[in-house]
Amino acid sequence: MTIALALFLLVNAAWSFFVWPAFLRRVARDPRARTSTGAATRFLRVHQILVTVSLLLALGLAIFGIVGLVRGTYA
């Protein structure tokens, strides 16, 4: 993995860690997120799953990026 690719993976992971939690906060404040009794709706649950999967993928990208930086450039 090249250094450039490792940096790209790290930047992508950092972007995901920055964007997805803010998105989930906005979704949680949306009126469609809760019923009148305060229970979570499918709208909220689906978005929670989406954010969780995206953050797990970002964690994987960060790990690969760090490994790429530690190992350096090779063919």
C-alpha atoms as a PDB file:
ATOM      1  CA  MET A   1       0.000   0.000   0.000  1.00  0.00           C
ATOM      2  CA  THR A   2       1.301   3.430  -0.861  1.00  0.00           C
ATOM      3  CA  ILE A   3       1.557   6.237   1.655  1.00  0.00           C
ATOM      4  CA  ALA A   4      -0.935   8.240  -0.416  1.00  0.00           C
ATOM      5  CA  LEU A   5      -3.503   5.441  -0.223  1.00  0.00           C
ATOM      6  CA  ALA A   6      -2.954   5.061   3.523  1.00  0.00           C
ATOM      7  CA  LEU A   7      -3.503   8.801   3.999  1.00  0.00           C
ATOM      8  CA  PHE A   8      -6.613   8.667   1.818  1.00  0.00           C
ATOM      9  CA  LEU A   9      -8.032   5.894   4.010  1.00  0.00           C
ATOM     10  CA  LEU A  10      -7.301   7.875   7.166  1.00  0.00           C
ATOM     11  CA  VAL A  11      -8.880  11.052   5.784  1.00  0.00           C
ATOM     12  CA  ASN A  12     -11.941   9.081   4.716  1.00  0.00           C
ATOM     13  CA  ALA A  13     -12.221   7.514   8.188  1.00  0.00           C
ATOM     14  CA  ALA A  14     -11.815  10.892   9.893  1.00  0.00           C
ATOM     15  CA  TRP A  15     -14.521  12.380   7.675  1.00  0.00           C
ATOM     16  CA  SER A  16     -16.895   9.548   8.565  1.00  0.00           C
ATOM     17  CA  PHE A  17     -16.205   9.923  12.296  1.00  0.00           C
ATOM     18  CA  PHE A  18     -16.952  13.632  11.953  1.00  0.00           C
ATOM     19  CA  VAL A  19     -20.055  13.492   9.729  1.00  0.00           C
ATOM     20  CA  TRP A  20     -22.072  10.460  10.885  1.00  0.00           C
ATOM     21  CA  PRO A  21     -22.518  11.364  14.578  1.00  0.00           C
ATOM     22  CA  ALA A  22     -23.694  14.858  13.595  1.00  0.00           C
ATOM     23  CA  PHE A  23     -26.133  13.285  11.134  1.00  0.00           C
ATOM     24  CA  LEU A  24     -27.504  10.985  13.837  1.00  0.00           C
ATOM     25  CA  ARG A  25     -28.009  13.915  16.210  1.00  0.00           C
ATOM     26  CA  ARG A  26     -30.072  15.671  13.536  1.00  0.00           C
ATOM     27  CA  VAL A  27     -32.094  12.519  12.864  1.00  0.00           C
ATOM     28  CA  ALA A  28     -32.752  12.037  16.591  1.00  0.00           C
ATOM     29  CA  ARG A  29     -34.217  15.559  16.794  1.00  0.00           C
ATOM     30  CA  ASP A  30     -36.475  14.946  13.796  1.00  0.00           C
ATOM     31  CA  PRO A  31     -40.174  14.628  14.726  1.00  0.00           C
ATOM     32  CA  ARG A  32     -40.348  11.341  12.809  1.00  0.00           C
ATOM     33  CA  ALA A  33     -37.786   9.747  15.175  1.00  0.00           C
ATOM     34  CA  ARG A  34     -40.184   9.269  18.098  1.00  0.00           C
ATOM     35  CA  THR A  35     -43.819   8.392  18.554  1.00  0.00           C
ATOM     36  CA  SER A  36     -46.099  10.569  20.638  1.00  0.00           C
ATOM     37  CA  THR A  37     -45.274   8.341  23.633  1.00  0.00           C
ATOM     38  CA  GLY A  38     -41.521   8.767  23.079  1.00  0.00           C
ATOM     39  CA  ALA A  39     -40.767   5.332  21.654  1.00  0.00           C
ATOM     40  CA  ALA A  40     -38.226   5.052  18.843  1.00  0.00           C
ATOM     41  CA  THR A  41     -39.689   4.647  15.355  1.00  0.00           C
ATOM     42  CA  ARG A  42     -38.388   2.612  12.441  1.00  0.00           C
ATOM     43  CA  PHE A  43     -37.094   5.858  10.976  1.00  0.00           C
ATOM     44  CA  LEU A  44     -34.758   6.297  13.940  1.00  0.00           C
ATOM     45  CA  ARG A  45     -33.774   2.639  14.159  1.00  0.00           C
ATOM     46  CA  VAL A  46     -32.870   2.411  10.477  1.00  0.00           C
ATOM     47  CA  HIS A  47     -30.700   5.501  10.753  1.00  0.00           C
ATOM     48  CA  GLN A  48     -29.046   4.202  13.918  1.00  0.00           C
ATOM     49  CA  ILE A  49     -28.125   1.012  12.061  1.00  0.00           C
ATOM     50  CA  LEU A  50     -26.872   3.010   9.072  1.00  0.00           C
ATOM     51  CA  VAL A  51     -24.643   5.158  11.288  1.00  0.00           C
ATOM     52  CA  THR A  52     -23.356   2.151  13.243  1.00  0.00           C
ATOM     53  CA  VAL A  53     -22.389   0.268  10.089  1.00  0.00           C
ATOM     54  CA  SER A  54     -20.782   3.385   8.617  1.00  0.00           C
ATOM     55  CA  LEU A  55     -18.737   3.980  11.770  1.00  0.00           C
ATOM     56  CA  LEU A  56     -17.606   0.354  11.847  1.00  0.00           C
ATOM     57  CA  LEU A  57     -16.486   0.673   8.225  1.00  0.00           C
ATOM     58  CA  ALA A  58     -14.680   3.895   9.128  1.00  0.00           C
ATOM     59  CA  LEU A  59     -12.914   2.081  11.962  1.00  0.00           C
ATOM     60  CA  GLY A  60     -11.767  -0.560   9.477  1.00  0.00           C
ATOM     61  CA  LEU A  61     -10.516   2.121   7.106  1.00  0.00           C
ATOM     62  CA  ALA A  62      -8.634   3.796   9.944  1.00  0.00           C
ATOM     63  CA  ILE A  63      -6.991   0.516  10.928  1.00  0.00           C
ATOM     64  CA  PHE A  64      -5.942  -0.214   7.341  1.00  0.00           C
ATOM     65  CA  GLY A  65      -4.690   3.355   6.968  1.00  0.00           C
ATOM     66  CA  ILE A  66      -2.577   3.112  10.122  1.00  0.00           C
ATOM     67  CA  VAL A  67      -1.184  -0.254   9.071  1.00  0.00           C
ATOM     68  CA  GLY A  68      -0.369   1.242   5.657  1.00  0.00           C
ATOM     69  CA  LEU A  69       1.486   4.146   7.240  1.00  0.00           C
ATOM     70  CA  VAL A  70       3.424   1.891   9.618  1.00  0.00           C
ATOM     71  CA  ARG A  71       4.466  -0.532   6.895  1.00  0.00           C
ATOM     72  CA  GLY A  72       5.204   2.181   4.371  1.00  0.00           C
ATOM     73  CA  THR A  73       5.368   1.788   0.610  1.00  0.00           C
ATOM     74  CA  TYR A  74       5.745  -1.594  -0.991  1.00  0.00           C
ATOM     75  CA  ALA A  75       4.680  -3.271  -4.186  1.00  0.00           C
END
